[in-house]
């Protein structure tokens, strides 16, 4: 199986009007996605924001769970957060993975509403692709109202949206990440 990472992007993402913006980091997303990523044996989880103050917040979260009071109360959460790294850009993510793995990663994006004209890859096909030899993969998740359309079009793979029952599709990113991990990597 390929080396698999994930990145939670806070930029470039869309706002309600479809404009490209930068969103704020939330503590729940940081530790909940880390727990899911660790459960499914991802090699790393990147929280991507160009804002230094957001990196300071991420640092405080990591310190709390890796060596602070959180570790003493729930050591397993510290194990999950040990795979989390704050980075400034998707380019930084690709560089970090390339340095670790010796290959440029493929970028696999997710979107509740994918742009028109991009071929979608279903989860079963994606699972099969991950089982084959190939470069490392970074699963991309967007905050706000999803990844910017330019990024979705540039991705190597665009996964099919998670379909609900009645057309409503606005999951929290931490819920979507857990579902994607399970569909691609679950037993």
C-alpha atoms as a PDB file:
ATOM      1  CA  UNK A   1       0.000   0.000   0.000  1.00  0.00           C
ATOM      2  CA  UNK A   2       1.130   3.520  -0.731  1.00  0.00           C
ATOM      3  CA  UNK A   3       2.166   6.008   1.925  1.00  0.00           C
ATOM      4  CA  UNK A   4      -0.920   8.069   2.748  1.00  0.00           C
ATOM      5  CA  UNK A   5      -1.117  11.507   4.359  1.00  0.00           C
ATOM      6  CA  UNK A   6      -3.890  14.058   4.724  1.00  0.00           C
ATOM      7  CA  UNK A   7      -4.005  17.829   4.775  1.00  0.00           C
ATOM      8  CA  UNK A   8      -6.698  20.096   6.164  1.00  0.00           C
ATOM      9  CA  UNK A   9      -6.478  23.292   4.155  1.00  0.00           C
ATOM     10  CA  UNK A  10      -7.594  26.647   5.539  1.00  0.00           C
ATOM     11  CA  UNK A  11      -6.379  28.326   2.331  1.00  0.00           C
ATOM     12  CA  UNK A  12      -7.224  28.359  -0.552  1.00  0.00           C
ATOM     13  CA  UNK A  13     -10.828  27.600   0.333  1.00  0.00           C
ATOM     14  CA  UNK A  14     -14.186  29.082  -0.602  1.00  0.00           C
ATOM     15  CA  UNK A  15     -16.616  31.140   1.415  1.00  0.00           C
ATOM     16  CA  UNK A  16     -20.401  31.008   1.074  1.00  0.00           C
ATOM     17  CA  UNK A  17     -20.265  33.278  -2.011  1.00  0.00           C
ATOM     18  CA  UNK A  18     -17.592  31.138  -3.705  1.00  0.00           C
ATOM     19  CA  UNK A  19     -14.766  33.625  -3.169  1.00  0.00           C
ATOM     20  CA  UNK A  20     -11.319  32.338  -2.186  1.00  0.00           C
ATOM     21  CA  UNK A  21     -10.594  33.035   1.472  1.00  0.00           C
ATOM     22  CA  UNK A  22      -8.588  31.871   4.472  1.00  0.00           C
ATOM     23  CA  UNK A  23     -10.544  30.297   7.329  1.00  0.00           C
ATOM     24  CA  UNK A  24      -9.734  29.989  11.026  1.00  0.00           C
ATOM     25  CA  UNK A  25      -8.386  26.829  12.623  1.00  0.00           C
ATOM     26  CA  UNK A  26     -10.771  25.091  15.031  1.00  0.00           C
ATOM     27  CA  UNK A  27      -9.538  22.946  17.898  1.00  0.00           C
ATOM     28  CA  UNK A  28     -12.046  20.155  17.198  1.00  0.00           C
ATOM     29  CA  UNK A  29     -10.832  19.743  13.615  1.00  0.00           C
ATOM     30  CA  UNK A  30      -7.206  19.542  14.747  1.00  0.00           C
ATOM     31  CA  UNK A  31      -7.600  16.739  17.232  1.00  0.00           C
ATOM     32  CA  UNK A  32     -10.581  14.872  15.763  1.00  0.00           C
ATOM     33  CA  UNK A  33      -8.993  14.488  12.321  1.00  0.00           C
ATOM     34  CA  UNK A  34      -5.708  13.481  13.977  1.00  0.00           C
ATOM     35  CA  UNK A  35      -7.526  10.728  15.863  1.00  0.00           C
ATOM     36  CA  UNK A  36      -9.179   9.461  12.662  1.00  0.00           C
ATOM     37  CA  UNK A  37      -5.936   9.695  10.677  1.00  0.00           C
ATOM     38  CA  UNK A  38      -4.053   7.749  13.357  1.00  0.00           C
ATOM     39  CA  UNK A  39      -6.822   5.120  13.512  1.00  0.00           C
ATOM     40  CA  UNK A  40      -6.406   4.472   9.772  1.00  0.00           C
ATOM     41  CA  UNK A  41      -2.564   4.512   9.961  1.00  0.00           C
ATOM     42  CA  UNK A  42      -1.935   7.637   7.890  1.00  0.00           C
ATOM     43  CA  UNK A  43       1.714   8.666   8.008  1.00  0.00           C
ATOM     44  CA  UNK A  44       0.967  12.300   8.697  1.00  0.00           C
ATOM     45  CA  UNK A  45      -1.683  14.959   9.059  1.00  0.00           C
ATOM     46  CA  UNK A  46      -1.019  18.570   8.077  1.00  0.00           C
ATOM     47  CA  UNK A  47      -3.043  21.573   9.204  1.00  0.00           C
ATOM     48  CA  UNK A  48      -2.385  24.203   6.536  1.00  0.00           C
ATOM     49  CA  UNK A  49      -2.755  27.921   7.199  1.00  0.00           C
ATOM     50  CA  UNK A  50      -0.680  30.891   6.034  1.00  0.00           C
ATOM     51  CA  UNK A  51      -1.464  32.787   9.264  1.00  0.00           C
ATOM     52  CA  UNK A  52       1.209  32.715  12.004  1.00  0.00           C
ATOM     53  CA  UNK A  53      -1.330  33.269  14.808  1.00  0.00           C
ATOM     54  CA  UNK A  54      -3.105  30.093  13.680  1.00  0.00           C
ATOM     55  CA  UNK A  55       0.195  28.199  13.904  1.00  0.00           C
ATOM     56  CA  UNK A  56       0.563  29.416  17.489  1.00  0.00           C
ATOM     57  CA  UNK A  57      -2.916  28.047  18.274  1.00  0.00           C
ATOM     58  CA  UNK A  58      -2.063  24.690  16.686  1.00  0.00           C
ATOM     59  CA  UNK A  59       1.175  24.628  18.702  1.00  0.00           C
ATOM     60  CA  UNK A  60      -0.763  25.138  21.945  1.00  0.00           C
ATOM     61  CA  UNK A  61      -3.177  22.341  21.025  1.00  0.00           C
ATOM     62  CA  UNK A  62      -0.322  19.963  20.207  1.00  0.00           C
ATOM     63  CA  UNK A  63       1.569  20.858  23.398  1.00  0.00           C
ATOM     64  CA  UNK A  64      -1.536  20.265  25.535  1.00  0.00           C
ATOM     65  CA  UNK A  65      -2.076  16.762  24.149  1.00  0.00           C
ATOM     66  CA  UNK A  66       1.532  15.681  23.587  1.00  0.00           C
ATOM     67  CA  UNK A  67       3.190  16.855  26.809  1.00  0.00           C
ATOM     68  CA  UNK A  68       0.684  18.882  28.873  1.00  0.00           C
ATOM     69  CA  UNK A  69      -2.311  18.083  31.032  1.00  0.00           C
ATOM     70  CA  UNK A  70      -4.124  16.388  28.153  1.00  0.00           C
ATOM     71  CA  UNK A  71      -1.419  13.759  27.847  1.00  0.00           C
ATOM     72  CA  UNK A  72      -1.721  12.835  31.503  1.00  0.00           C
ATOM     73  CA  UNK A  73      -5.502  12.422  31.201  1.00  0.00           C
ATOM     74  CA  UNK A  74      -5.716  10.865  27.703  1.00  0.00           C
ATOM     75  CA  UNK A  75      -2.335   9.605  26.461  1.00  0.00           C
ATOM     76  CA  UNK A  76      -3.887   8.005  23.355  1.00  0.00           C
ATOM     77  CA  UNK A  77      -4.887  11.442  22.068  1.00  0.00           C
ATOM     78  CA  UNK A  78      -1.247  12.518  22.310  1.00  0.00           C
ATOM     79  CA  UNK A  79      -0.313   9.521  20.168  1.00  0.00           C
ATOM     80  CA  UNK A  80      -2.762  10.695  17.521  1.00  0.00           C
ATOM     81  CA  UNK A  81      -1.583  14.301  17.591  1.00  0.00           C
ATOM     82  CA  UNK A  82       2.049  13.199  17.209  1.00  0.00           C
ATOM     83  CA  UNK A  83       1.356  12.812  13.462  1.00  0.00           C
ATOM     84  CA  UNK A  84       0.004  16.384  13.160  1.00  0.00           C
ATOM     85  CA  UNK A  85       2.120  19.215  11.724  1.00  0.00           C
ATOM     86  CA  UNK A  86       1.166  22.805  11.022  1.00  0.00           C
ATOM     87  CA  UNK A  87       2.418  24.053   7.635  1.00  0.00           C
ATOM     88  CA  UNK A  88       1.932  27.289   5.702  1.00  0.00           C
ATOM     89  CA  UNK A  89       0.931  26.024   2.245  1.00  0.00           C
ATOM     90  CA  UNK A  90       0.117  23.025   0.107  1.00  0.00           C
ATOM     91  CA  UNK A  91       3.536  23.481  -1.488  1.00  0.00           C
ATOM     92  CA  UNK A  92       5.077  23.013   1.981  1.00  0.00           C
ATOM     93  CA  UNK A  93       3.051  19.803   2.395  1.00  0.00           C
ATOM     94  CA  UNK A  94       4.293  18.443  -0.938  1.00  0.00           C
ATOM     95  CA  UNK A  95       7.879  19.357  -0.056  1.00  0.00           C
ATOM     96  CA  UNK A  96       7.639  17.683   3.356  1.00  0.00           C
ATOM     97  CA  UNK A  97       6.198  14.471   1.895  1.00  0.00           C
ATOM     98  CA  UNK A  98       8.752  14.474  -0.944  1.00  0.00           C
ATOM     99  CA  UNK A  99      11.558  14.787   1.621  1.00  0.00           C
ATOM    100  CA  UNK A 100      10.170  11.885   3.690  1.00  0.00           C
ATOM    101  CA  UNK A 101       9.170   9.566   0.848  1.00  0.00           C
ATOM    102  CA  UNK A 102      11.607  10.450  -1.945  1.00  0.00           C
ATOM    103  CA  UNK A 103       8.739  11.056  -4.396  1.00  0.00           C
ATOM    104  CA  UNK A 104       6.356  13.867  -5.213  1.00  0.00           C
ATOM    105  CA  UNK A 105       2.926  12.965  -3.815  1.00  0.00           C
ATOM    106  CA  UNK A 106      -0.290  12.649  -5.756  1.00  0.00           C
ATOM    107  CA  UNK A 107      -2.965  15.064  -4.537  1.00  0.00           C
ATOM    108  CA  UNK A 108      -6.394  13.510  -4.011  1.00  0.00           C
ATOM    109  CA  UNK A 109      -9.065  16.127  -3.356  1.00  0.00           C
ATOM    110  CA  UNK A 110     -12.523  15.900  -1.870  1.00  0.00           C
ATOM    111  CA  UNK A 111     -15.524  18.113  -2.556  1.00  0.00           C
ATOM    112  CA  UNK A 112     -19.203  18.038  -1.667  1.00  0.00           C
ATOM    113  CA  UNK A 113     -19.879  19.895  -4.929  1.00  0.00           C
ATOM    114  CA  UNK A 114     -17.111  19.162  -7.448  1.00  0.00           C
ATOM    115  CA  UNK A 115     -16.467  21.490 -10.384  1.00  0.00           C
ATOM    116  CA  UNK A 116     -18.085  20.575 -13.687  1.00  0.00           C
ATOM    117  CA  UNK A 117     -15.884  18.758 -16.178  1.00  0.00           C
ATOM    118  CA  UNK A 118     -13.521  16.985 -13.758  1.00  0.00           C
ATOM    119  CA  UNK A 119     -13.572  13.171 -13.817  1.00  0.00           C
ATOM    120  CA  UNK A 120     -14.539  11.753 -10.441  1.00  0.00           C
ATOM    121  CA  UNK A 121     -13.029   8.641  -8.886  1.00  0.00           C
ATOM    122  CA  UNK A 122     -15.299   6.468  -6.747  1.00  0.00           C
ATOM    123  CA  UNK A 123     -14.161   5.106  -3.403  1.00  0.00           C
ATOM    124  CA  UNK A 124     -13.915   1.504  -4.596  1.00  0.00           C
ATOM    125  CA  UNK A 125     -11.673   2.559  -7.494  1.00  0.00           C
ATOM    126  CA  UNK A 126      -9.667   4.766  -5.133  1.00  0.00           C
ATOM    127  CA  UNK A 127      -9.182   1.866  -2.718  1.00  0.00           C
ATOM    128  CA  UNK A 128      -7.876  -0.246  -5.611  1.00  0.00           C
ATOM    129  CA  UNK A 129      -5.468   2.490  -6.709  1.00  0.00           C
ATOM    130  CA  UNK A 130      -4.076   2.810  -3.188  1.00  0.00           C
ATOM    131  CA  UNK A 131      -3.333  -0.926  -3.118  1.00  0.00           C
ATOM    132  CA  UNK A 132      -1.048  -0.609  -6.155  1.00  0.00           C
ATOM    133  CA  UNK A 133       2.549   0.581  -6.112  1.00  0.00           C
ATOM    134  CA  UNK A 134       2.822   4.282  -6.728  1.00  0.00           C
ATOM    135  CA  UNK A 135       3.789   7.612  -5.287  1.00  0.00           C
ATOM    136  CA  UNK A 136       2.588   8.725  -1.866  1.00  0.00           C
ATOM    137  CA  UNK A 137      -0.888  10.251  -1.657  1.00  0.00           C
ATOM    138  CA  UNK A 138      -2.052  13.341   0.203  1.00  0.00           C
ATOM    139  CA  UNK A 139      -5.815  13.439   0.786  1.00  0.00           C
ATOM    140  CA  UNK A 140      -6.941  17.074   0.713  1.00  0.00           C
ATOM    141  CA  UNK A 141      -9.829  18.397   2.784  1.00  0.00           C
ATOM    142  CA  UNK A 142     -11.077  21.975   2.745  1.00  0.00           C
ATOM    143  CA  UNK A 143     -12.620  24.088   5.448  1.00  0.00           C
ATOM    144  CA  UNK A 144     -15.212  26.835   4.914  1.00  0.00           C
ATOM    145  CA  UNK A 145     -17.277  25.890   1.867  1.00  0.00           C
ATOM    146  CA  UNK A 146     -14.617  23.599   0.429  1.00  0.00           C
ATOM    147  CA  UNK A 147     -11.404  23.727  -1.534  1.00  0.00           C
ATOM    148  CA  UNK A 148     -11.007  26.458  -4.155  1.00  0.00           C
ATOM    149  CA  UNK A 149     -12.097  25.329  -7.630  1.00  0.00           C
ATOM    150  CA  UNK A 150      -8.610  25.908  -9.123  1.00  0.00           C
ATOM    151  CA  UNK A 151      -7.173  23.479  -6.591  1.00  0.00           C
ATOM    152  CA  UNK A 152      -9.901  20.919  -7.294  1.00  0.00           C
ATOM    153  CA  UNK A 153      -9.213  21.109 -11.030  1.00  0.00           C
ATOM    154  CA  UNK A 154      -5.448  20.763 -10.479  1.00  0.00           C
ATOM    155  CA  UNK A 155      -5.737  17.699  -8.203  1.00  0.00           C
ATOM    156  CA  UNK A 156      -4.458  14.393  -9.564  1.00  0.00           C
ATOM    157  CA  UNK A 157      -7.606  12.639  -8.329  1.00  0.00           C
ATOM    158  CA  UNK A 158     -10.976  14.089  -7.369  1.00  0.00           C
ATOM    159  CA  UNK A 159     -12.942  11.686  -5.215  1.00  0.00           C
ATOM    160  CA  UNK A 160     -16.688  11.357  -5.660  1.00  0.00           C
ATOM    161  CA  UNK A 161     -18.717  13.294  -3.091  1.00  0.00           C
ATOM    162  CA  UNK A 162     -20.074  11.505  -0.054  1.00  0.00           C
ATOM    163  CA  UNK A 163     -23.728  10.994  -0.901  1.00  0.00           C
ATOM    164  CA  UNK A 164     -26.394  11.322   1.740  1.00  0.00           C
ATOM    165  CA  UNK A 165     -29.982  10.179   1.447  1.00  0.00           C
ATOM    166  CA  UNK A 166     -31.920  13.224   0.288  1.00  0.00           C
ATOM    167  CA  UNK A 167     -29.505  15.565  -1.505  1.00  0.00           C
ATOM    168  CA  UNK A 168     -28.384  17.496   1.571  1.00  0.00           C
ATOM    169  CA  UNK A 169     -24.578  17.486   1.636  1.00  0.00           C
ATOM    170  CA  UNK A 170     -22.868  19.732   4.170  1.00  0.00           C
ATOM    171  CA  UNK A 171     -20.887  17.488   6.525  1.00  0.00           C
ATOM    172  CA  UNK A 172     -18.368  18.875   8.979  1.00  0.00           C
ATOM    173  CA  UNK A 173     -14.882  18.382   7.597  1.00  0.00           C
ATOM    174  CA  UNK A 174     -13.941  16.096  10.486  1.00  0.00           C
ATOM    175  CA  UNK A 175     -16.931  13.849   9.726  1.00  0.00           C
ATOM    176  CA  UNK A 176     -16.139  13.831   6.010  1.00  0.00           C
ATOM    177  CA  UNK A 177     -12.490  12.961   6.697  1.00  0.00           C
ATOM    178  CA  UNK A 178     -13.471   9.994   8.880  1.00  0.00           C
ATOM    179  CA  UNK A 179     -15.870   8.695   6.209  1.00  0.00           C
ATOM    180  CA  UNK A 180     -13.272   9.084   3.437  1.00  0.00           C
ATOM    181  CA  UNK A 181     -10.614   7.298   5.513  1.00  0.00           C
ATOM    182  CA  UNK A 182     -12.983   4.422   6.214  1.00  0.00           C
ATOM    183  CA  UNK A 183     -14.145   4.071   2.606  1.00  0.00           C
ATOM    184  CA  UNK A 184     -10.582   4.109   1.247  1.00  0.00           C
ATOM    185  CA  UNK A 185      -8.733   2.297   4.054  1.00  0.00           C
ATOM    186  CA  UNK A 186     -11.265   0.498   6.246  1.00  0.00           C
ATOM    187  CA  UNK A 187     -11.318  -3.233   6.791  1.00  0.00           C
END
